Amino acid sequence: FFSKKKIVNIAVFIGASIFNDYRNILAVMQLTNVKIGNNVHNICEETDERRLRHAEVRPSENSKEARQLLKDPES
């Protein structure tokens, strides 16, 4: 039997894995003997790439907005 604490810890790990890096989800699937096909692997790779691109764009947009505010604080 799993205790509530173990279930919460597993849920936190999976949540953090989804937020940070989908490759950890593949590790969880492998440990639980879930068959990992090419589609799952590809989806994880695509999701990670999309997340990284989005993370790179946001600081750039924020910097641009900050520069505009410095030039014209009334806008």
N, C-alpha and C. Protein backbone atom coordinates (compact mmCIF):
# COMPACT_ATOMS: atom_id res chain seq x y z
N PHE A 1 0.82 -1.19 0.00
CA PHE A 1 0.00 0.00 0.00
C PHE A 1 0.87 1.25 0.00
N PHE A 2 0.41 2.25 -0.70
CA PHE A 2 1.10 3.53 -0.74
C PHE A 2 0.51 4.45 0.32
N SER A 3 1.37 5.13 1.02
CA SER A 3 0.88 6.13 1.97
C SER A 3 0.54 7.41 1.22
N LYS A 4 -0.22 8.26 1.87
CA LYS A 4 -0.58 9.53 1.25
C LYS A 4 0.66 10.36 0.94
N LYS A 5 1.65 10.30 1.83
CA LYS A 5 2.89 11.05 1.63
C LYS A 5 3.61 10.59 0.37
N LYS A 6 3.67 9.29 0.14
CA LYS A 6 4.34 8.77 -1.06
C LYS A 6 3.61 9.22 -2.32
N ILE A 7 2.29 9.17 -2.27
CA ILE A 7 1.50 9.59 -3.43
C ILE A 7 1.73 11.06 -3.73
N VAL A 8 1.75 11.88 -2.68
CA VAL A 8 2.01 13.32 -2.87
C VAL A 8 3.40 13.53 -3.44
N ASN A 9 4.39 12.82 -2.92
CA ASN A 9 5.76 12.95 -3.43
C ASN A 9 5.86 12.57 -4.90
N ILE A 10 5.18 11.51 -5.28
CA ILE A 10 5.17 11.09 -6.69
C ILE A 10 4.50 12.16 -7.54
N ALA A 11 3.38 12.68 -7.07
CA ALA A 11 2.68 13.73 -7.83
C ALA A 11 3.54 14.98 -7.98
N VAL A 12 4.25 15.36 -6.92
CA VAL A 12 5.13 16.53 -6.98
C VAL A 12 6.25 16.28 -7.98
N PHE A 13 6.84 15.09 -7.95
CA PHE A 13 7.92 14.76 -8.89
C PHE A 13 7.42 14.83 -10.33
N ILE A 14 6.26 14.25 -10.58
CA ILE A 14 5.71 14.27 -11.94
C ILE A 14 5.38 15.69 -12.36
N GLY A 15 4.79 16.47 -11.46
CA GLY A 15 4.48 17.87 -11.78
C GLY A 15 5.73 18.67 -12.10
N ALA A 16 6.77 18.50 -11.29
CA ALA A 16 8.03 19.21 -11.55
C ALA A 16 8.66 18.73 -12.85
N SER A 17 8.53 17.45 -13.13
CA SER A 17 9.09 16.91 -14.37
C SER A 17 8.39 17.49 -15.59
N ILE A 18 7.08 17.62 -15.51
CA ILE A 18 6.33 18.21 -16.62
C ILE A 18 6.73 19.66 -16.80
N PHE A 19 6.91 20.38 -15.71
CA PHE A 19 7.28 21.79 -15.79
C PHE A 19 8.70 21.97 -16.31
N ASN A 20 9.62 21.13 -15.87
CA ASN A 20 11.04 21.33 -16.17
C ASN A 20 11.56 20.56 -17.37
N ASP A 21 11.23 19.30 -17.46
CA ASP A 21 11.88 18.47 -18.47
C ASP A 21 11.08 17.18 -18.65
N TYR A 22 10.49 17.03 -19.80
CA TYR A 22 9.65 15.85 -20.05
C TYR A 22 10.45 14.55 -20.09
N ARG A 23 11.76 14.62 -20.20
CA ARG A 23 12.55 13.39 -20.24
C ARG A 23 12.39 12.59 -18.95
N ASN A 24 12.15 13.28 -17.84
CA ASN A 24 11.92 12.57 -16.58
C ASN A 24 10.64 11.74 -16.63
N ILE A 25 9.68 12.20 -17.40
CA ILE A 25 8.45 11.42 -17.57
C ILE A 25 8.76 10.10 -18.25
N LEU A 26 9.67 10.13 -19.22
CA LEU A 26 10.09 8.89 -19.87
C LEU A 26 10.72 7.94 -18.86
N ALA A 27 11.50 8.47 -17.94
CA ALA A 27 12.13 7.64 -16.91
C ALA A 27 11.07 7.01 -16.01
N VAL A 28 10.06 7.79 -15.64
CA VAL A 28 8.97 7.26 -14.81
C VAL A 28 8.24 6.15 -15.57
N MET A 29 7.97 6.39 -16.84
CA MET A 29 7.28 5.37 -17.64
C MET A 29 8.11 4.10 -17.73
N GLN A 30 9.41 4.26 -17.89
CA GLN A 30 10.28 3.08 -17.98
C GLN A 30 10.30 2.32 -16.66
N LEU A 31 10.39 3.04 -15.54
CA LEU A 31 10.41 2.40 -14.22
C LEU A 31 9.11 1.66 -13.92
N THR A 32 8.01 2.14 -14.46
CA THR A 32 6.72 1.49 -14.22
C THR A 32 6.36 0.49 -15.31
N ASN A 33 7.36 0.17 -16.14
CA ASN A 33 7.21 -0.83 -17.20
C ASN A 33 6.16 -0.47 -18.24
N VAL A 34 6.01 0.83 -18.49
CA VAL A 34 5.13 1.28 -19.56
C VAL A 34 5.95 1.30 -20.84
N LYS A 35 5.40 0.72 -21.89
CA LYS A 35 6.12 0.67 -23.16
C LYS A 35 6.22 2.09 -23.74
N ILE A 36 7.44 2.51 -24.05
CA ILE A 36 7.69 3.84 -24.59
C ILE A 36 7.93 3.71 -26.08
N GLY A 37 7.01 4.25 -26.85
CA GLY A 37 7.15 4.21 -28.30
C GLY A 37 7.79 5.48 -28.83
N ASN A 38 8.02 5.49 -30.12
CA ASN A 38 8.62 6.66 -30.76
C ASN A 38 7.77 7.91 -30.60
N ASN A 39 6.45 7.75 -30.66
CA ASN A 39 5.57 8.91 -30.54
C ASN A 39 5.73 9.60 -29.19
N VAL A 40 5.80 8.82 -28.12
CA VAL A 40 5.97 9.41 -26.79
C VAL A 40 7.30 10.14 -26.71
N HIS A 41 8.34 9.51 -27.20
CA HIS A 41 9.67 10.14 -27.18
C HIS A 41 9.66 11.43 -27.99
N ASN A 42 9.06 11.41 -29.16
CA ASN A 42 9.00 12.61 -30.01
C ASN A 42 8.20 13.73 -29.36
N ILE A 43 7.08 13.39 -28.74
CA ILE A 43 6.26 14.40 -28.07
C ILE A 43 7.05 15.05 -26.94
N CYS A 44 7.77 14.26 -26.18
CA CYS A 44 8.58 14.81 -25.09
C CYS A 44 9.65 15.75 -25.63
N GLU A 45 10.32 15.37 -26.69
CA GLU A 45 11.35 16.22 -27.29
C GLU A 45 10.75 17.52 -27.83
N GLU A 46 9.64 17.41 -28.53
CA GLU A 46 8.99 18.61 -29.10
C GLU A 46 8.51 19.55 -27.99
N THR A 47 7.95 18.99 -26.94
CA THR A 47 7.46 19.81 -25.84
C THR A 47 8.61 20.53 -25.15
N ASP A 48 9.72 19.83 -24.93
CA ASP A 48 10.88 20.47 -24.31
C ASP A 48 11.43 21.59 -25.19
N GLU A 49 11.52 21.35 -26.49
CA GLU A 49 12.03 22.37 -27.40
C GLU A 49 11.11 23.60 -27.40
N ARG A 50 9.80 23.38 -27.42
CA ARG A 50 8.84 24.48 -27.41
C ARG A 50 8.95 25.28 -26.11
N ARG A 51 9.09 24.57 -25.00
CA ARG A 51 9.22 25.22 -23.69
C ARG A 51 10.47 26.09 -23.64
N LEU A 52 11.58 25.58 -24.17
CA LEU A 52 12.83 26.35 -24.17
C LEU A 52 12.74 27.57 -25.07
N ARG A 53 12.13 27.42 -26.25
CA ARG A 53 11.96 28.57 -27.14
C ARG A 53 11.11 29.65 -26.47
N HIS A 54 10.05 29.23 -25.82
CA HIS A 54 9.16 30.17 -25.13
C HIS A 54 9.91 30.87 -23.99
N ALA A 55 10.73 30.12 -23.27
CA ALA A 55 11.49 30.70 -22.16
C ALA A 55 12.51 31.72 -22.66
N GLU A 56 13.04 31.52 -23.86
CA GLU A 56 14.01 32.46 -24.41
C GLU A 56 13.33 33.72 -24.93
N VAL A 57 12.11 33.62 -25.42
CA VAL A 57 11.40 34.76 -25.99
C VAL A 57 10.91 35.70 -24.89
N ARG A 58 10.42 35.18 -23.80
CA ARG A 58 9.83 36.02 -22.75
C ARG A 58 10.81 37.05 -22.19
N PRO A 59 12.04 36.69 -21.82
CA PRO A 59 12.95 37.73 -21.32
C PRO A 59 13.25 38.80 -22.36
N SER A 60 13.33 38.39 -23.62
CA SER A 60 13.58 39.34 -24.69
C SER A 60 12.43 40.34 -24.80
N GLU A 61 11.20 39.86 -24.73
CA GLU A 61 10.04 40.75 -24.78
C GLU A 61 10.00 41.67 -23.57
N ASN A 62 10.33 41.14 -22.40
CA ASN A 62 10.34 41.97 -21.19
C ASN A 62 11.41 43.05 -21.27
N SER A 63 12.57 42.72 -21.82
CA SER A 63 13.64 43.71 -21.97
C SER A 63 13.22 44.81 -22.93
N LYS A 64 12.57 44.43 -24.01
CA LYS A 64 12.11 45.42 -24.99
C LYS A 64 11.10 46.37 -24.34
N GLU A 65 10.17 45.81 -23.59
CA GLU A 65 9.17 46.63 -22.92
C GLU A 65 9.83 47.58 -21.91
N ALA A 66 10.81 47.10 -21.17
CA ALA A 66 11.50 47.94 -20.19
C ALA A 66 12.24 49.09 -20.88
N ARG A 67 12.88 48.80 -22.01
CA ARG A 67 13.58 49.86 -22.75
C ARG A 67 12.60 50.92 -23.24
N GLN A 68 11.44 50.48 -23.71
CA GLN A 68 10.43 51.42 -24.19
C GLN A 68 9.92 52.31 -23.05
N LEU A 69 9.75 51.74 -21.88
CA LEU A 69 9.29 52.52 -20.74
C LEU A 69 10.34 53.54 -20.30
N LEU A 70 11.61 53.16 -20.41
CA LEU A 70 12.68 54.10 -20.05
C LEU A 70 12.73 55.27 -21.02
N LYS A 71 12.46 55.00 -22.29
CA LYS A 71 12.47 56.06 -23.30
C LYS A 71 11.28 57.00 -23.12
N ASP A 72 10.11 56.43 -22.87
CA ASP A 72 8.89 57.22 -22.77
C ASP A 72 8.08 56.74 -21.57
N PRO A 73 8.38 57.22 -20.36
CA PRO A 73 7.71 56.72 -19.15
C PRO A 73 6.21 57.01 -19.10
N GLU A 74 5.71 57.90 -19.96
CA GLU A 74 4.28 58.23 -19.94
C GLU A 74 3.43 57.22 -20.70
N SER A 75 4.04 56.30 -21.43
CA SER A 75 3.24 55.35 -22.22
C SER A 75 2.77 54.19 -21.41
